[in-house]
Amino acid sequence: MIANPGLLPVVETFHSLQGEGIHGGRSAFFIRLAGCNVACSWCDTKHSWPSEAHPQRPAEHLAAEARSAAQAGAAFVVITGGEPLHHNLDCLCTSLKPVGLPIHLETSGVDQLSGCFDWICLSPKRHRPPSQALLTACNELKVVVHEAADLEFAVAMAAAANRGKNKPVLMLQPGADSKAGSSIAINYVMAHPAWRLSLQTHKWLGVR
């Protein structure tokens, strides 16, 4: 957690389409926070890992940008990273609430939940499993699959998540450029209708 929750290290902000998950294809305003010690080998935003490499910005400035994005058509705000829950998000969510857009969180679930969200997308990692609190709080469980062990992990995470009241949407997402992951995910979703396939469509489209 950072000392001043009103200031957060920000990699970038941008208005684009949500590229993956259940809200894929919708207009969204993204706030990408810096800092991550989960260190996934396949991460496509490794530049976001060091917090000290990115400027600290006031929450109210980020909210002002979100308001402009809302006027331009953004349907919701996405707080992502890095790992956003390395930071206390109470102040940011409080600043964003008057904007009037639903607030979404993308997290691996390794830290304590802070902030107030309309949608939590939990993407747990096998080498750093999430807390049970995040599993039972999430609205969407999205597991990246590269190999059979990832699928086994996904099934275990779904069982744990379903103990909560939310009963999250279950999604498998093939790892980037992973033919094995694609085959495993597709075959499993075809045989298990409770699951859906998530694809990184923004990469295909060439948008952020």
C-alpha atoms as a PDB file:
ATOM      1  CA  MET A   1       0.000   0.000   0.000  1.00  0.00           C
ATOM      2  CA  ILE A   2       1.172   3.514  -0.718  1.00  0.00           C
ATOM      3  CA  ALA A   3       1.521   6.156   2.005  1.00  0.00           C
ATOM      4  CA  ASN A   4      -0.784   8.715   0.356  1.00  0.00           C
ATOM      5  CA  PRO A   5      -3.866   7.029  -1.166  1.00  0.00           C
ATOM      6  CA  GLY A   6      -4.724  10.298  -2.965  1.00  0.00           C
ATOM      7  CA  LEU A   7      -1.644   9.841  -5.161  1.00  0.00           C
ATOM      8  CA  LEU A   8      -1.164   6.798  -7.352  1.00  0.00           C
ATOM      9  CA  PRO A   9       1.589   5.723  -9.788  1.00  0.00           C
ATOM     10  CA  VAL A  10       0.008   5.813 -13.239  1.00  0.00           C
ATOM     11  CA  VAL A  11       1.409   4.104 -16.316  1.00  0.00           C
ATOM     12  CA  GLU A  12      -1.240   5.438 -18.691  1.00  0.00           C
ATOM     13  CA  THR A  13      -4.861   6.425 -19.121  1.00  0.00           C
ATOM     14  CA  PHE A  14      -6.770   5.931 -22.343  1.00  0.00           C
ATOM     15  CA  HIS A  15     -10.227   5.568 -23.874  1.00  0.00           C
ATOM     16  CA  SER A  16     -10.609   2.448 -25.986  1.00  0.00           C
ATOM     17  CA  LEU A  17     -12.601  -0.774 -26.254  1.00  0.00           C
ATOM     18  CA  GLN A  18     -12.420  -3.422 -23.582  1.00  0.00           C
ATOM     19  CA  GLY A  19     -10.559  -6.129 -25.429  1.00  0.00           C
ATOM     20  CA  GLU A  20     -11.265  -9.228 -23.365  1.00  0.00           C
ATOM     21  CA  GLY A  21     -13.574 -10.838 -20.847  1.00  0.00           C
ATOM     22  CA  ILE A  22     -17.338 -10.662 -20.585  1.00  0.00           C
ATOM     23  CA  HIS A  23     -17.372  -6.905 -21.320  1.00  0.00           C
ATOM     24  CA  GLY A  24     -15.223  -7.269 -24.441  1.00  0.00           C
ATOM     25  CA  GLY A  25     -16.122  -4.884 -27.247  1.00  0.00           C
ATOM     26  CA  ARG A  26     -17.559  -2.152 -25.005  1.00  0.00           C
ATOM     27  CA  SER A  27     -16.294   1.428 -24.816  1.00  0.00           C
ATOM     28  CA  ALA A  28     -14.210   1.943 -21.678  1.00  0.00           C
ATOM     29  CA  PHE A  29     -11.827   4.369 -19.988  1.00  0.00           C
ATOM     30  CA  PHE A  30      -8.735   2.655 -18.631  1.00  0.00           C
ATOM     31  CA  ILE A  31      -6.560   3.698 -15.705  1.00  0.00           C
ATOM     32  CA  ARG A  32      -3.427   1.551 -15.666  1.00  0.00           C
ATOM     33  CA  LEU A  33      -1.621   1.717 -12.340  1.00  0.00           C
ATOM     34  CA  ALA A  34       2.036   0.845 -11.904  1.00  0.00           C
ATOM     35  CA  GLY A  35       3.490  -1.742  -9.583  1.00  0.00           C
ATOM     36  CA  CYS A  36       3.305  -5.538  -9.712  1.00  0.00           C
ATOM     37  CA  ASN A  37       5.171  -8.262  -7.850  1.00  0.00           C
ATOM     38  CA  VAL A  38       3.107 -11.139  -9.240  1.00  0.00           C
ATOM     39  CA  ALA A  39       5.577 -11.266 -12.154  1.00  0.00           C
ATOM     40  CA  CYS A  40       3.864 -13.489 -14.712  1.00  0.00           C
ATOM     41  CA  SER A  41       6.383 -14.610 -17.324  1.00  0.00           C
ATOM     42  CA  TRP A  42       3.862 -14.036 -20.143  1.00  0.00           C
ATOM     43  CA  CYS A  43       2.811 -10.551 -19.004  1.00  0.00           C
ATOM     44  CA  ASP A  44       2.408  -8.086 -21.903  1.00  0.00           C
ATOM     45  CA  THR A  45       2.735  -5.005 -19.674  1.00  0.00           C
ATOM     46  CA  LYS A  46       6.010  -5.679 -17.861  1.00  0.00           C
ATOM     47  CA  HIS A  47       6.846  -1.987 -18.165  1.00  0.00           C
ATOM     48  CA  SER A  48       4.155  -1.428 -15.535  1.00  0.00           C
ATOM     49  CA  TRP A  49       5.896  -3.515 -12.855  1.00  0.00           C
ATOM     50  CA  PRO A  50       8.172  -0.854 -11.250  1.00  0.00           C
ATOM     51  CA  SER A  51       6.072   1.765  -9.443  1.00  0.00           C
ATOM     52  CA  GLU A  52       8.979   4.182  -9.163  1.00  0.00           C
ATOM     53  CA  ALA A  53       9.289   4.398 -12.957  1.00  0.00           C
ATOM     54  CA  HIS A  54       5.915   6.114 -13.314  1.00  0.00           C
ATOM     55  CA  PRO A  55       4.555   9.477 -12.125  1.00  0.00           C
ATOM     56  CA  GLN A  56       2.363   9.839  -9.062  1.00  0.00           C
ATOM     57  CA  ARG A  57      -0.955  11.445  -9.997  1.00  0.00           C
ATOM     58  CA  PRO A  58      -3.833  12.770  -7.859  1.00  0.00           C
ATOM     59  CA  ALA A  59      -7.039  10.754  -7.853  1.00  0.00           C
ATOM     60  CA  GLU A  60      -9.105  13.825  -8.688  1.00  0.00           C
ATOM     61  CA  HIS A  61      -7.106  14.362 -11.898  1.00  0.00           C
ATOM     62  CA  LEU A  62      -7.845  10.795 -12.959  1.00  0.00           C
ATOM     63  CA  ALA A  63     -11.521  11.357 -12.204  1.00  0.00           C
ATOM     64  CA  ALA A  64     -11.511  14.479 -14.387  1.00  0.00           C
ATOM     65  CA  GLU A  65     -10.117  12.414 -17.271  1.00  0.00           C
ATOM     66  CA  ALA A  66     -12.789   9.768 -16.672  1.00  0.00           C
ATOM     67  CA  ARG A  67     -15.477  12.473 -16.854  1.00  0.00           C
ATOM     68  CA  SER A  68     -14.140  13.608 -20.230  1.00  0.00           C
ATOM     69  CA  ALA A  69     -14.103   9.997 -21.433  1.00  0.00           C
ATOM     70  CA  ALA A  70     -17.710   9.569 -20.284  1.00  0.00           C
ATOM     71  CA  GLN A  71     -18.698  12.583 -22.381  1.00  0.00           C
ATOM     72  CA  ALA A  72     -16.894  10.968 -25.321  1.00  0.00           C
ATOM     73  CA  GLY A  73     -18.821   7.700 -24.929  1.00  0.00           C
ATOM     74  CA  ALA A  74     -17.020   5.534 -22.366  1.00  0.00           C
ATOM     75  CA  ALA A  75     -19.496   3.147 -20.730  1.00  0.00           C
ATOM     76  CA  PHE A  76     -17.391   2.325 -17.667  1.00  0.00           C
ATOM     77  CA  VAL A  77     -14.010   2.845 -16.010  1.00  0.00           C
ATOM     78  CA  VAL A  78     -11.462   0.026 -15.746  1.00  0.00           C
ATOM     79  CA  ILE A  79      -8.778   0.150 -13.050  1.00  0.00           C
ATOM     80  CA  THR A  80      -6.029  -2.208 -14.134  1.00  0.00           C
ATOM     81  CA  GLY A  81      -2.274  -2.615 -13.885  1.00  0.00           C
ATOM     82  CA  GLY A  82       0.221  -3.806 -12.983  1.00  0.00           C
ATOM     83  CA  GLU A  83      -1.571  -5.087  -9.950  1.00  0.00           C
ATOM     84  CA  PRO A  84      -3.871  -2.267  -8.835  1.00  0.00           C
ATOM     85  CA  LEU A  85      -4.584  -3.725  -5.399  1.00  0.00           C
ATOM     86  CA  HIS A  86      -0.956  -3.216  -4.402  1.00  0.00           C
ATOM     87  CA  HIS A  87      -2.347   0.275  -3.698  1.00  0.00           C
ATOM     88  CA  ASN A  88      -5.198   1.531  -1.545  1.00  0.00           C
ATOM     89  CA  LEU A  89      -7.962   2.340  -4.033  1.00  0.00           C
ATOM     90  CA  ASP A  90     -10.454   3.915  -1.614  1.00  0.00           C
ATOM     91  CA  CYS A  91      -9.616   7.494  -2.580  1.00  0.00           C
ATOM     92  CA  LEU A  92      -9.610   6.758  -6.309  1.00  0.00           C
ATOM     93  CA  CYS A  93     -13.020   5.086  -6.172  1.00  0.00           C
ATOM     94  CA  THR A  94     -14.415   7.920  -4.061  1.00  0.00           C
ATOM     95  CA  SER A  95     -13.149  10.424  -6.645  1.00  0.00           C
ATOM     96  CA  LEU A  96     -14.557   8.391  -9.541  1.00  0.00           C
ATOM     97  CA  LYS A  97     -18.025   7.811  -8.086  1.00  0.00           C
ATOM     98  CA  PRO A  98     -19.435  11.300  -8.949  1.00  0.00           C
ATOM     99  CA  VAL A  99     -18.461  10.725 -12.598  1.00  0.00           C
ATOM    100  CA  GLY A 100     -21.387   8.311 -12.763  1.00  0.00           C
ATOM    101  CA  LEU A 101     -19.680   5.501 -14.667  1.00  0.00           C
ATOM    102  CA  PRO A 102     -19.591   1.922 -13.336  1.00  0.00           C
ATOM    103  CA  ILE A 103     -16.153   1.167 -11.881  1.00  0.00           C
ATOM    104  CA  HIS A 104     -14.498  -2.106 -12.891  1.00  0.00           C
ATOM    105  CA  LEU A 105     -11.410  -3.686 -11.328  1.00  0.00           C
ATOM    106  CA  GLU A 106      -8.976  -6.118 -12.968  1.00  0.00           C
ATOM    107  CA  THR A 107      -6.865  -7.936 -10.379  1.00  0.00           C
ATOM    108  CA  SER A 108      -4.949 -11.119  -9.665  1.00  0.00           C
ATOM    109  CA  GLY A 109      -6.385 -11.098  -6.147  1.00  0.00           C
ATOM    110  CA  VAL A 110      -3.152 -11.406  -4.181  1.00  0.00           C
ATOM    111  CA  ASP A 111      -3.840  -8.337  -2.012  1.00  0.00           C
ATOM    112  CA  GLN A 112      -6.584  -7.123   0.275  1.00  0.00           C
ATOM    113  CA  LEU A 113      -9.543  -5.548  -1.484  1.00  0.00           C
ATOM    114  CA  SER A 114      -9.841  -1.775  -1.189  1.00  0.00           C
ATOM    115  CA  GLY A 115     -12.194   0.576  -3.003  1.00  0.00           C
ATOM    116  CA  CYS A 116     -15.807   0.055  -4.046  1.00  0.00           C
ATOM    117  CA  PHE A 117     -16.501  -1.584  -7.424  1.00  0.00           C
ATOM    118  CA  ASP A 118     -19.446  -2.399  -9.644  1.00  0.00           C
ATOM    119  CA  TRP A 119     -17.562  -5.261 -11.316  1.00  0.00           C
ATOM    120  CA  ILE A 120     -14.503  -7.249 -10.239  1.00  0.00           C
ATOM    121  CA  CYS A 121     -12.684  -9.324 -12.832  1.00  0.00           C
ATOM    122  CA  LEU A 122     -10.373 -11.734 -11.023  1.00  0.00           C
ATOM    123  CA  SER A 123      -7.579 -13.258 -13.096  1.00  0.00           C
ATOM    124  CA  PRO A 124      -5.835 -15.603 -10.627  1.00  0.00           C
ATOM    125  CA  LYS A 125      -2.358 -16.931 -11.258  1.00  0.00           C
ATOM    126  CA  ARG A 126      -1.246 -20.473 -10.474  1.00  0.00           C
ATOM    127  CA  HIS A 127       2.126 -19.367  -9.076  1.00  0.00           C
ATOM    128  CA  ARG A 128       0.471 -16.723  -6.821  1.00  0.00           C
ATOM    129  CA  PRO A 129      -3.046 -17.908  -5.914  1.00  0.00           C
ATOM    130  CA  PRO A 130      -5.610 -15.312  -4.833  1.00  0.00           C
ATOM    131  CA  SER A 131      -7.194 -14.877  -1.432  1.00  0.00           C
ATOM    132  CA  GLN A 132     -10.513 -16.574  -0.727  1.00  0.00           C
ATOM    133  CA  ALA A 133     -11.958 -13.123  -0.024  1.00  0.00           C
ATOM    134  CA  LEU A 134     -11.305 -12.020  -3.622  1.00  0.00           C
ATOM    135  CA  LEU A 135     -12.556 -15.319  -5.006  1.00  0.00           C
ATOM    136  CA  THR A 136     -15.897 -14.937  -3.283  1.00  0.00           C
ATOM    137  CA  ALA A 137     -16.149 -11.209  -4.132  1.00  0.00           C
ATOM    138  CA  CYS A 138     -15.448 -11.434  -7.874  1.00  0.00           C
ATOM    139  CA  ASN A 139     -18.090 -11.091 -10.595  1.00  0.00           C
ATOM    140  CA  GLU A 140     -15.908 -12.570 -13.329  1.00  0.00           C
ATOM    141  CA  LEU A 141     -13.273 -15.299 -13.059  1.00  0.00           C
ATOM    142  CA  LYS A 142     -10.882 -15.210 -16.029  1.00  0.00           C
ATOM    143  CA  VAL A 143      -8.036 -17.724 -16.068  1.00  0.00           C
ATOM    144  CA  VAL A 144      -5.216 -17.654 -18.619  1.00  0.00           C
ATOM    145  CA  VAL A 145      -4.427 -21.113 -19.997  1.00  0.00           C
ATOM    146  CA  HIS A 146      -1.104 -22.257 -21.413  1.00  0.00           C
ATOM    147  CA  GLU A 147      -1.069 -25.902 -20.331  1.00  0.00           C
ATOM    148  CA  ALA A 148      -3.186 -28.613 -18.723  1.00  0.00           C
ATOM    149  CA  ALA A 149      -2.141 -27.593 -15.198  1.00  0.00           C
ATOM    150  CA  ASP A 150      -3.668 -24.155 -15.809  1.00  0.00           C
ATOM    151  CA  LEU A 151      -7.011 -25.751 -16.631  1.00  0.00           C
ATOM    152  CA  GLU A 152      -6.894 -27.806 -13.435  1.00  0.00           C
ATOM    153  CA  PHE A 153      -6.167 -24.597 -11.541  1.00  0.00           C
ATOM    154  CA  ALA A 154      -9.075 -22.833 -13.268  1.00  0.00           C
ATOM    155  CA  VAL A 155     -11.523 -25.554 -12.252  1.00  0.00           C
ATOM    156  CA  ALA A 156     -10.309 -25.385  -8.650  1.00  0.00           C
ATOM    157  CA  MET A 157     -10.634 -21.589  -8.635  1.00  0.00           C
ATOM    158  CA  ALA A 158     -14.177 -21.822  -9.991  1.00  0.00           C
ATOM    159  CA  ALA A 159     -15.162 -24.232  -7.236  1.00  0.00           C
ATOM    160  CA  ALA A 160     -13.770 -21.842  -4.623  1.00  0.00           C
ATOM    161  CA  ALA A 161     -15.365 -18.782  -6.233  1.00  0.00           C
ATOM    162  CA  ASN A 162     -18.773 -20.419  -6.384  1.00  0.00           C
ATOM    163  CA  ARG A 163     -18.847 -20.564  -2.602  1.00  0.00           C
ATOM    164  CA  GLY A 164     -19.541 -16.822  -2.674  1.00  0.00           C
ATOM    165  CA  LYS A 165     -22.846 -15.074  -3.334  1.00  0.00           C
ATOM    166  CA  ASN A 166     -21.856 -13.655  -6.743  1.00  0.00           C
ATOM    167  CA  LYS A 167     -21.512 -16.918  -8.697  1.00  0.00           C
ATOM    168  CA  PRO A 168     -19.078 -15.314 -11.160  1.00  0.00           C
ATOM    169  CA  VAL A 169     -19.021 -15.592 -14.924  1.00  0.00           C
ATOM    170  CA  LEU A 170     -16.404 -18.242 -15.731  1.00  0.00           C
ATOM    171  CA  MET A 171     -13.948 -17.563 -18.550  1.00  0.00           C
ATOM    172  CA  LEU A 172     -10.900 -19.299 -19.992  1.00  0.00           C
ATOM    173  CA  GLN A 173      -8.447 -17.178 -21.960  1.00  0.00           C
ATOM    174  CA  PRO A 174      -5.752 -18.836 -24.085  1.00  0.00           C
ATOM    175  CA  GLY A 175      -2.290 -17.467 -23.415  1.00  0.00           C
ATOM    176  CA  ALA A 176      -0.988 -15.220 -26.166  1.00  0.00           C
ATOM    177  CA  ASP A 177       0.449 -17.260 -29.043  1.00  0.00           C
ATOM    178  CA  SER A 178      -0.170 -20.493 -27.117  1.00  0.00           C
ATOM    179  CA  LYS A 179      -1.510 -23.147 -29.468  1.00  0.00           C
ATOM    180  CA  ALA A 180      -1.741 -25.633 -26.607  1.00  0.00           C
ATOM    181  CA  GLY A 181      -3.614 -23.129 -24.475  1.00  0.00           C
ATOM    182  CA  SER A 182      -6.046 -22.377 -27.286  1.00  0.00           C
ATOM    183  CA  SER A 183      -6.771 -26.053 -27.874  1.00  0.00           C
ATOM    184  CA  ILE A 184      -7.232 -26.798 -24.173  1.00  0.00           C
ATOM    185  CA  ALA A 185      -9.496 -23.798 -23.581  1.00  0.00           C
ATOM    186  CA  ILE A 186     -11.656 -24.313 -26.666  1.00  0.00           C
ATOM    187  CA  ASN A 187     -12.160 -28.026 -26.045  1.00  0.00           C
ATOM    188  CA  TYR A 188     -13.045 -27.473 -22.405  1.00  0.00           C
ATOM    189  CA  VAL A 189     -15.526 -24.670 -23.104  1.00  0.00           C
ATOM    190  CA  MET A 190     -17.207 -26.733 -25.825  1.00  0.00           C
ATOM    191  CA  ALA A 191     -17.788 -29.543 -23.328  1.00  0.00           C
ATOM    192  CA  HIS A 192     -18.616 -27.388 -20.288  1.00  0.00           C
ATOM    193  CA  PRO A 193     -21.351 -24.822 -21.002  1.00  0.00           C
ATOM    194  CA  ALA A 194     -20.855 -22.989 -17.694  1.00  0.00           C
ATOM    195  CA  TRP A 195     -17.591 -21.636 -19.125  1.00  0.00           C
ATOM    196  CA  ARG A 196     -16.979 -19.058 -21.861  1.00  0.00           C
ATOM    197  CA  LEU A 197     -13.969 -18.298 -24.033  1.00  0.00           C
ATOM    198  CA  SER A 198     -12.198 -14.957 -23.625  1.00  0.00           C
ATOM    199  CA  LEU A 199     -10.003 -13.652 -26.448  1.00  0.00           C
ATOM    200  CA  GLN A 200      -7.688 -10.638 -26.550  1.00  0.00           C
ATOM    201  CA  THR A 201      -9.497  -8.978 -29.429  1.00  0.00           C
ATOM    202  CA  HIS A 202      -7.740  -5.632 -28.951  1.00  0.00           C
ATOM    203  CA  LYS A 203      -4.500  -7.262 -30.109  1.00  0.00           C
ATOM    204  CA  TRP A 204      -6.146  -8.488 -33.292  1.00  0.00           C
ATOM    205  CA  LEU A 205      -7.662  -5.058 -33.924  1.00  0.00           C
ATOM    206  CA  GLY A 206      -4.450  -3.193 -33.157  1.00  0.00           C
ATOM    207  CA  VAL A 207      -6.035  -0.954 -30.504  1.00  0.00           C
ATOM    208  CA  ARG A 208      -4.814  -0.277 -26.986  1.00  0.00           C
END
